[in-house]
Amino acid sequence: MSHIKRFLLLCSGADQDILKSCPTDENKYAGIGGTVLFTGILAFFSAAYAIYTVFDNYFFAVAFGLVWGLMIFNLDRYIVSSMKSRGSFWRDFVVAFPRLILAVLLALVISKPLELKIFQKEIDAELISMEQEVYKEQETKLKSRFSDQAEAYQKELAALQSELDALAAKRDTLNLMAIQEADGTGGSGKKNLGPIYRIKKAKADEAQAELDAGKERILPLIAEKQASIRQTDSLMLAEIASLERSAFGGMAARMEALHRLGEDSKAIFFANIFIILLFIAIETAPIFVKLISPRSPYDFLLHQHEHVFEMDNLEKVTLLRNATQNMVEFDTATGVYRTRKEIEVEKELTDAYLERKKEALKNKPLDWLLPFVKGKV
């Protein structure tokens, strides 16, 4: 047997001493061991790429990937080696079902970083769009902060300009009326510079004076409001320029980009599904192979070996339990018998003592009654 085959059998978790007695099963378990090995290798690359996208450090990526790959390898090896065929499909399926769930979970965990690597170019393009969307959202929020103040300045500016326009319109109207009165095209309809014209001209001059006074008062306010608007716009542009446009590249952002790509493109969506199914098939293949395969010589010998150990252990446990029960029964019976005999002996001693005391009292003289008798006399 070559060293590679021994290593693959080691990866499968099979007992190589038992396999020596059934060489026909060596290729089967070597294939299972190869699947377990390559699953661990894929887990290494998956974890290494995931950690590299987070820390951007090769040392951390390789170290964590190695630990993760070994952990997945050990879990897969345990899942496969802990399955034992007993000849009943449904019984074996019930035993294998929790292992299948764990294998599917491991497949999903392993496949996701590799999916991100497979669709890296598409994800990078989508990340640029996501970055622009985030920047646009931040810019919109920033503009909304200054919009209320800018609108207030614009309303005040419009009110001042409206007041100034009203004064100018009044002045123009009165001037037009005075001119029409002078040339006879309006008013009294007579061309002259009489008293009516002078009255209208005076009103027009008053309107001009009001306009000049209004300009002296309003134009500085308009300039002030325009300066405030320009200052607000400058502050807004400065804060927009200070926005940080940090590039997206983390694990969560890439997963979100892949999800959006799947929603926008059916090809990417189905490709993503098939990649997940492929990893699930790879991860669960050893379990299904052992589940659907008929019992082989290795399974019989393994069952026999375990049964012999189980019976030997049962025999030892039974003998120890019986010996313990016998010892307890012996100690209990002898203790009860000893206690009864001790009680009987104590009774005999007590009876003998009381009998002797009774005889002593009978033979003792009645001297102790003399004082009482003399007292009565």
Protein backbone atom coordinates (compact mmCIF):
# COMPACT_ATOMS: atom_id res chain seq x y z
CA MET A 1 0.00 0.00 0.00
CA SER A 2 1.42 3.36 -1.03
CA HIS A 3 1.95 6.23 1.39
CA ILE A 4 -0.65 8.35 -0.42
CA LYS A 5 -3.26 5.64 -0.03
CA ARG A 6 -2.44 5.25 3.66
CA PHE A 7 -2.80 8.99 4.09
CA LEU A 8 -6.17 9.03 2.32
CA LEU A 9 -7.37 6.13 4.49
CA LEU A 10 -6.24 8.11 7.51
CA CYS A 11 -8.27 11.08 6.24
CA SER A 12 -11.35 8.87 5.91
CA GLY A 13 -11.20 7.88 9.58
CA ALA A 14 -11.34 4.17 8.74
CA ASP A 15 -9.59 1.58 10.93
CA GLN A 16 -6.63 0.48 8.83
CA ASP A 17 -6.09 -2.70 10.86
CA ILE A 18 -9.61 -3.83 9.94
CA LEU A 19 -9.14 -2.74 6.32
CA LYS A 20 -6.17 -5.10 6.02
CA SER A 21 -8.65 -7.97 6.35
CA CYS A 22 -10.92 -6.58 3.60
CA PRO A 23 -8.76 -4.97 0.87
CA THR A 24 -11.77 -4.59 -1.46
CA ASP A 25 -12.95 -1.64 0.63
CA GLU A 26 -9.65 0.23 0.49
CA ASN A 27 -10.49 2.14 -2.69
CA LYS A 28 -13.88 3.15 -1.33
CA TYR A 29 -12.46 4.64 1.83
CA ALA A 30 -9.50 6.14 -0.03
CA GLY A 31 -12.02 8.04 -2.19
CA ILE A 32 -13.90 9.19 0.92
CA GLY A 33 -10.63 10.31 2.48
CA GLY A 34 -9.75 12.26 -0.67
CA THR A 35 -13.08 14.09 -0.53
CA VAL A 36 -12.51 14.96 3.13
CA LEU A 37 -8.98 16.15 2.35
CA PHE A 38 -9.98 18.39 -0.55
CA THR A 39 -12.86 19.81 1.46
CA GLY A 40 -10.34 20.88 4.09
CA ILE A 41 -8.13 22.41 1.39
CA LEU A 42 -11.06 24.37 -0.04
CA ALA A 43 -11.93 25.52 3.48
CA PHE A 44 -8.34 26.77 3.84
CA PHE A 45 -8.52 28.87 0.66
CA SER A 46 -12.00 30.11 1.57
CA ALA A 47 -11.03 31.30 5.04
CA ALA A 48 -7.70 32.74 3.86
CA TYR A 49 -9.42 34.85 1.20
CA ALA A 50 -12.11 35.99 3.66
CA ILE A 51 -9.54 37.10 6.25
CA TYR A 52 -7.40 38.78 3.58
CA THR A 53 -10.35 40.92 2.48
CA VAL A 54 -10.78 42.06 6.09
CA PHE A 55 -7.19 42.59 7.31
CA ASP A 56 -5.32 42.84 3.97
CA ASN A 57 -2.48 40.82 5.52
CA TYR A 58 -1.09 37.60 4.05
CA PHE A 59 0.27 36.28 7.34
CA PHE A 60 -3.08 36.53 9.17
CA ALA A 61 -4.88 35.13 6.12
CA VAL A 62 -2.63 32.06 5.84
CA ALA A 63 -2.57 31.44 9.62
CA PHE A 64 -6.33 31.66 10.07
CA GLY A 65 -6.95 29.74 6.84
CA LEU A 66 -4.73 26.92 8.08
CA VAL A 67 -6.53 26.73 11.42
CA TRP A 68 -9.95 26.88 9.74
CA GLY A 69 -9.01 24.27 7.15
CA LEU A 70 -7.75 21.86 9.82
CA MET A 71 -10.90 22.39 11.86
CA ILE A 72 -13.16 21.68 8.87
CA PHE A 73 -11.00 18.67 7.96
CA ASN A 74 -11.32 17.30 11.48
CA LEU A 75 -15.11 17.88 11.53
CA ASP A 76 -15.58 16.17 8.17
CA ARG A 77 -13.40 13.27 9.25
CA TYR A 78 -15.44 12.88 12.43
CA ILE A 79 -18.75 13.09 10.53
CA VAL A 80 -17.68 10.36 8.10
CA SER A 81 -15.98 8.07 10.61
CA SER A 82 -18.87 8.27 13.08
CA MET A 83 -21.31 6.86 10.51
CA LYS A 84 -21.70 3.09 10.67
CA SER A 85 -23.83 1.01 8.33
CA ARG A 86 -26.26 -1.33 10.07
CA GLY A 87 -28.05 -2.64 6.96
CA SER A 88 -31.30 -0.64 7.34
CA PHE A 89 -31.54 2.43 5.10
CA TRP A 90 -34.05 4.36 7.22
CA ARG A 91 -32.23 3.59 10.45
CA ASP A 92 -28.95 4.72 8.89
CA PHE A 93 -30.68 7.80 7.44
CA VAL A 94 -32.01 8.85 10.86
CA VAL A 95 -28.50 8.51 12.25
CA ALA A 96 -27.02 10.40 9.27
CA PHE A 97 -29.59 13.22 9.17
CA PRO A 98 -27.94 15.47 11.82
CA ARG A 99 -24.61 14.89 10.10
CA LEU A 100 -26.13 15.90 6.77
CA ILE A 101 -27.40 19.16 8.28
CA LEU A 102 -23.96 19.90 9.70
CA ALA A 103 -22.35 19.07 6.35
CA VAL A 104 -24.72 21.44 4.50
CA LEU A 105 -23.94 24.21 7.01
CA LEU A 106 -20.21 23.69 6.51
CA ALA A 107 -20.67 23.74 2.73
CA LEU A 108 -22.47 27.11 2.91
CA VAL A 109 -19.75 28.57 5.13
CA ILE A 110 -16.98 27.32 2.85
CA SER A 111 -18.63 28.30 -0.44
CA LYS A 112 -19.47 31.95 0.32
CA PRO A 113 -15.90 33.42 0.29
CA LEU A 114 -15.04 31.36 -2.80
CA GLU A 115 -18.15 32.71 -4.53
CA LEU A 116 -16.93 36.23 -3.79
CA LYS A 117 -13.59 35.37 -5.36
CA ILE A 118 -15.17 33.79 -8.45
CA PHE A 119 -17.33 36.88 -9.11
CA GLN A 120 -14.65 39.34 -8.03
CA LYS A 121 -14.66 41.45 -11.23
CA GLU A 122 -18.43 41.83 -11.27
CA ILE A 123 -18.43 42.58 -7.53
CA ASP A 124 -15.72 45.26 -7.91
CA ALA A 125 -17.81 47.01 -10.58
CA GLU A 126 -20.90 46.83 -8.40
CA LEU A 127 -18.96 48.17 -5.42
CA ILE A 128 -18.15 51.31 -7.41
CA SER A 129 -21.87 51.87 -8.02
CA MET A 130 -22.63 51.24 -4.35
CA GLU A 131 -19.91 53.72 -3.36
CA GLN A 132 -21.39 56.37 -5.64
CA GLU A 133 -24.85 55.73 -4.23
CA VAL A 134 -23.58 56.14 -0.68
CA TYR A 135 -21.71 59.33 -1.63
CA LYS A 136 -24.80 60.70 -3.36
CA GLU A 137 -26.91 59.92 -0.30
CA GLN A 138 -24.43 61.69 1.97
CA GLU A 139 -24.36 64.67 -0.39
CA THR A 140 -28.16 64.83 -0.43
CA LYS A 141 -28.32 64.76 3.37
CA LEU A 142 -25.67 67.49 3.54
CA LYS A 143 -27.50 69.69 1.06
CA SER A 144 -30.74 69.25 2.98
CA ARG A 145 -29.04 70.71 6.06
CA PHE A 146 -28.30 73.99 4.22
CA SER A 147 -31.45 74.06 2.07
CA ASP A 148 -33.72 75.50 4.80
CA GLN A 149 -31.35 78.36 5.54
CA ALA A 150 -30.78 79.06 1.85
CA GLU A 151 -34.53 79.05 1.18
CA ALA A 152 -35.07 81.54 4.02
CA TYR A 153 -32.47 83.88 2.51
CA GLN A 154 -34.05 83.48 -0.93
CA LYS A 155 -37.50 84.36 0.43
CA GLU A 156 -36.16 87.47 2.17
CA LEU A 157 -34.28 88.43 -0.98
CA ALA A 158 -37.41 87.92 -3.10
CA ALA A 159 -39.44 90.06 -0.67
CA LEU A 160 -36.89 92.90 -0.83
CA GLN A 161 -36.69 92.71 -4.60
CA SER A 162 -40.48 92.65 -4.83
CA GLU A 163 -40.69 95.77 -2.69
CA LEU A 164 -38.10 97.51 -4.88
CA ASP A 165 -39.89 96.42 -8.04
CA ALA A 166 -43.17 97.76 -6.66
CA LEU A 167 -41.59 101.20 -6.06
CA ALA A 168 -40.08 101.18 -9.54
CA ALA A 169 -43.37 100.14 -11.09
CA LYS A 170 -45.15 102.96 -9.22
CA ARG A 171 -42.57 105.47 -10.44
CA ASP A 172 -42.86 104.24 -14.03
CA THR A 173 -46.65 104.37 -13.93
CA LEU A 174 -46.73 107.97 -12.64
CA ASN A 175 -44.07 109.09 -15.14
CA LEU A 176 -46.08 107.53 -17.95
CA MET A 177 -49.23 109.31 -16.77
CA ALA A 178 -47.37 112.66 -16.65
CA ILE A 179 -45.93 112.14 -20.14
CA GLN A 180 -49.33 111.14 -21.54
CA GLU A 181 -50.85 114.24 -19.94
CA ALA A 182 -48.14 116.39 -21.55
CA ASP A 183 -48.44 115.00 -25.08
CA GLY A 184 -52.23 114.61 -24.98
CA THR A 185 -52.26 110.84 -25.39
CA GLY A 186 -53.82 110.28 -22.02
CA GLY A 187 -55.38 111.97 -19.05
CA SER A 188 -57.37 115.03 -20.16
CA GLY A 189 -56.51 114.33 -23.81
CA LYS A 190 -55.14 117.87 -24.34
CA LYS A 191 -51.53 118.52 -25.17
CA ASN A 192 -50.30 121.01 -22.58
CA LEU A 193 -48.08 121.46 -19.56
CA GLY A 194 -50.81 122.82 -17.39
CA PRO A 195 -51.60 122.31 -13.74
CA ILE A 196 -52.78 118.70 -14.22
CA TYR A 197 -49.46 117.81 -15.78
CA ARG A 198 -47.58 119.51 -12.98
CA ILE A 199 -49.60 117.61 -10.38
CA LYS A 200 -48.88 114.29 -12.08
CA LYS A 201 -45.26 115.27 -12.56
CA ALA A 202 -44.99 116.09 -8.86
CA LYS A 203 -46.45 112.68 -7.98
CA ALA A 204 -43.97 111.06 -10.36
CA ASP A 205 -41.13 112.97 -8.71
CA GLU A 206 -42.36 111.82 -5.31
CA ALA A 207 -42.43 108.22 -6.57
CA GLN A 208 -38.87 108.70 -7.86
CA ALA A 209 -37.80 110.02 -4.45
CA GLU A 210 -39.46 107.04 -2.77
CA LEU A 211 -37.65 104.75 -5.19
CA ASP A 212 -34.30 106.39 -4.47
CA ALA A 213 -34.91 106.14 -0.74
CA GLY A 214 -36.01 102.54 -1.15
CA LYS A 215 -32.85 101.75 -3.10
CA GLU A 216 -30.70 103.30 -0.38
CA ARG A 217 -32.47 101.14 2.18
CA ILE A 218 -33.10 97.91 0.22
CA LEU A 219 -30.02 97.51 -1.97
CA PRO A 220 -27.64 97.04 1.03
CA LEU A 221 -30.05 94.46 2.44
CA ILE A 222 -30.18 92.69 -0.92
CA ALA A 223 -26.40 92.68 -1.11
CA GLU A 224 -26.26 91.33 2.44
CA LYS A 225 -28.71 88.51 1.65
CA GLN A 226 -26.83 87.66 -1.55
CA ALA A 227 -23.58 87.52 0.42
CA SER A 228 -25.23 85.24 2.98
CA ILE A 229 -26.48 82.98 0.19
CA ARG A 230 -23.00 82.84 -1.36
CA GLN A 231 -21.48 82.09 2.06
CA THR A 232 -24.00 79.30 2.65
CA ASP A 233 -23.23 77.84 -0.76
CA SER A 234 -19.51 78.05 -0.04
CA LEU A 235 -19.91 76.26 3.29
CA MET A 236 -22.04 73.57 1.63
CA LEU A 237 -19.51 73.06 -1.18
CA ALA A 238 -16.67 72.92 1.35
CA GLU A 239 -18.41 70.23 3.40
CA ILE A 240 -19.26 68.30 0.25
CA ALA A 241 -15.61 68.45 -0.79
CA SER A 242 -14.60 67.19 2.66
CA LEU A 243 -16.75 64.06 2.39
CA GLU A 244 -14.60 60.94 2.49
CA ARG A 245 -15.11 58.58 -0.41
CA SER A 246 -13.69 55.46 1.19
CA ALA A 247 -13.63 52.51 -1.18
CA PHE A 248 -15.90 49.57 -0.42
CA GLY A 249 -14.07 46.29 -0.04
CA GLY A 250 -15.15 44.57 3.15
CA MET A 251 -16.77 41.16 3.42
CA ALA A 252 -20.24 42.54 4.17
CA ALA A 253 -20.10 45.01 1.25
CA ARG A 254 -18.99 42.28 -1.14
CA MET A 255 -21.79 39.98 -0.02
CA GLU A 256 -24.28 42.82 -0.50
CA ALA A 257 -22.84 43.47 -3.97
CA LEU A 258 -23.16 39.78 -4.87
CA HIS A 259 -26.76 39.79 -3.64
CA ARG A 260 -27.58 42.83 -5.80
CA LEU A 261 -25.89 41.25 -8.79
CA GLY A 262 -28.01 38.15 -8.29
CA GLU A 263 -31.18 40.26 -8.22
CA ASP A 264 -30.21 42.14 -11.38
CA SER A 265 -28.84 39.19 -13.37
CA LYS A 266 -30.46 35.76 -13.56
CA ALA A 267 -27.23 34.29 -14.95
CA ILE A 268 -25.27 35.33 -11.87
CA PHE A 269 -28.14 34.24 -9.61
CA PHE A 270 -28.26 30.71 -11.05
CA ALA A 271 -24.46 30.49 -11.20
CA ASN A 272 -24.37 31.39 -7.52
CA ILE A 273 -26.99 28.73 -6.73
CA PHE A 274 -25.11 26.07 -8.68
CA ILE A 275 -21.83 26.88 -6.92
CA ILE A 276 -23.55 26.49 -3.54
CA LEU A 277 -25.10 23.19 -4.66
CA LEU A 278 -21.70 22.02 -5.89
CA PHE A 279 -20.09 22.61 -2.51
CA ILE A 280 -23.05 20.99 -0.75
CA ALA A 281 -22.64 17.95 -3.01
CA ILE A 282 -18.91 17.77 -2.29
CA GLU A 283 -19.43 18.12 1.45
CA THR A 284 -22.25 15.59 1.69
CA ALA A 285 -20.86 13.10 -0.86
CA PRO A 286 -18.99 10.90 1.70
CA ILE A 287 -22.12 10.69 3.87
CA PHE A 288 -24.34 9.72 0.94
CA VAL A 289 -21.76 7.20 -0.28
CA LYS A 290 -21.80 5.47 3.09
CA LEU A 291 -25.57 5.81 3.30
CA ILE A 292 -26.49 4.28 -0.07
CA SER A 293 -23.71 1.68 -0.20
CA PRO A 294 -24.60 -1.85 0.89
CA ARG A 295 -22.84 -3.27 3.91
CA SER A 296 -19.32 -4.21 2.93
CA PRO A 297 -16.88 -6.61 4.62
CA TYR A 298 -15.39 -3.66 6.47
CA ASP A 299 -18.78 -2.82 7.98
CA PHE A 300 -19.28 -6.42 9.13
CA LEU A 301 -15.80 -6.66 10.63
CA LEU A 302 -16.17 -3.26 12.31
CA HIS A 303 -19.53 -4.27 13.72
CA GLN A 304 -18.04 -7.57 14.91
CA HIS A 305 -15.09 -5.80 16.50
CA GLU A 306 -17.34 -3.32 18.27
CA HIS A 307 -19.74 -6.10 19.27
CA VAL A 308 -16.90 -8.14 20.79
CA PHE A 309 -15.74 -5.10 22.72
CA GLU A 310 -19.31 -4.34 23.77
CA MET A 311 -19.92 -7.90 24.97
CA ASP A 312 -16.59 -8.01 26.79
CA ASN A 313 -17.40 -4.74 28.48
CA LEU A 314 -20.91 -5.99 29.27
CA GLU A 315 -19.45 -9.17 30.79
CA LYS A 316 -17.03 -7.23 32.96
CA VAL A 317 -19.70 -4.80 34.05
CA THR A 318 -22.12 -7.66 34.81
CA LEU A 319 -19.53 -9.58 36.82
CA LEU A 320 -18.58 -6.47 38.74
CA ARG A 321 -22.24 -5.65 39.39
CA ASN A 322 -22.98 -9.21 40.56
CA ALA A 323 -19.90 -9.26 42.78
CA THR A 324 -20.91 -5.94 44.26
CA GLN A 325 -24.48 -7.13 44.83
CA ASN A 326 -23.23 -10.36 46.45
CA MET A 327 -20.92 -8.43 48.69
CA VAL A 328 -23.71 -6.07 49.69
CA GLU A 329 -26.09 -8.99 50.34
CA PHE A 330 -23.41 -10.80 52.40
CA ASP A 331 -22.62 -7.73 54.46
CA THR A 332 -26.33 -7.05 54.94
CA ALA A 333 -27.23 -10.61 55.95
CA THR A 334 -24.25 -11.05 58.29
CA GLY A 335 -24.85 -7.63 59.80
CA VAL A 336 -28.50 -8.44 60.51
CA TYR A 337 -27.63 -11.88 61.95
CA ARG A 338 -24.87 -10.41 64.12
CA THR A 339 -27.17 -7.69 65.39
CA ARG A 340 -29.87 -10.21 66.30
CA LYS A 341 -27.42 -12.42 68.17
CA GLU A 342 -26.01 -9.46 70.02
CA ILE A 343 -29.53 -8.49 71.06
CA GLU A 344 -30.20 -12.05 72.29
CA VAL A 345 -26.94 -12.07 74.29
CA GLU A 346 -27.75 -8.70 75.79
CA LYS A 347 -31.18 -9.98 76.78
CA GLU A 348 -29.69 -13.05 78.46
CA LEU A 349 -27.12 -10.94 80.33
CA THR A 350 -29.80 -8.49 81.41
CA ASP A 351 -32.08 -11.32 82.62
CA ALA A 352 -29.22 -12.93 84.56
CA TYR A 353 -28.32 -9.64 86.20
CA LEU A 354 -31.87 -8.94 87.25
CA GLU A 355 -32.25 -12.49 88.60
CA ARG A 356 -29.13 -12.14 90.74
CA LYS A 357 -30.28 -8.82 92.10
CA LYS A 358 -33.65 -10.29 92.95
CA GLU A 359 -32.05 -13.17 94.91
CA ALA A 360 -29.81 -10.72 96.72
CA LEU A 361 -32.79 -8.71 97.83
CA LYS A 362 -34.53 -11.85 99.14
CA ASN A 363 -31.58 -12.93 101.25
CA LYS A 364 -30.71 -9.50 102.65
CA PRO A 365 -31.79 -8.88 106.38
CA LEU A 366 -34.49 -6.36 107.12
CA ASP A 367 -32.27 -4.08 109.22
CA TRP A 368 -33.28 -1.11 107.26
CA LEU A 369 -36.84 -1.39 108.64
CA LEU A 370 -35.82 -1.08 112.37
CA PRO A 371 -35.75 2.76 112.54
CA PHE A 372 -39.27 2.91 111.27
CA VAL A 373 -40.46 0.27 113.73
CA LYS A 374 -38.86 2.01 116.75
CA GLY A 375 -40.39 5.30 115.79
CA LYS A 376 -43.85 3.76 115.88
CA VAL A 377 -43.23 2.28 119.29
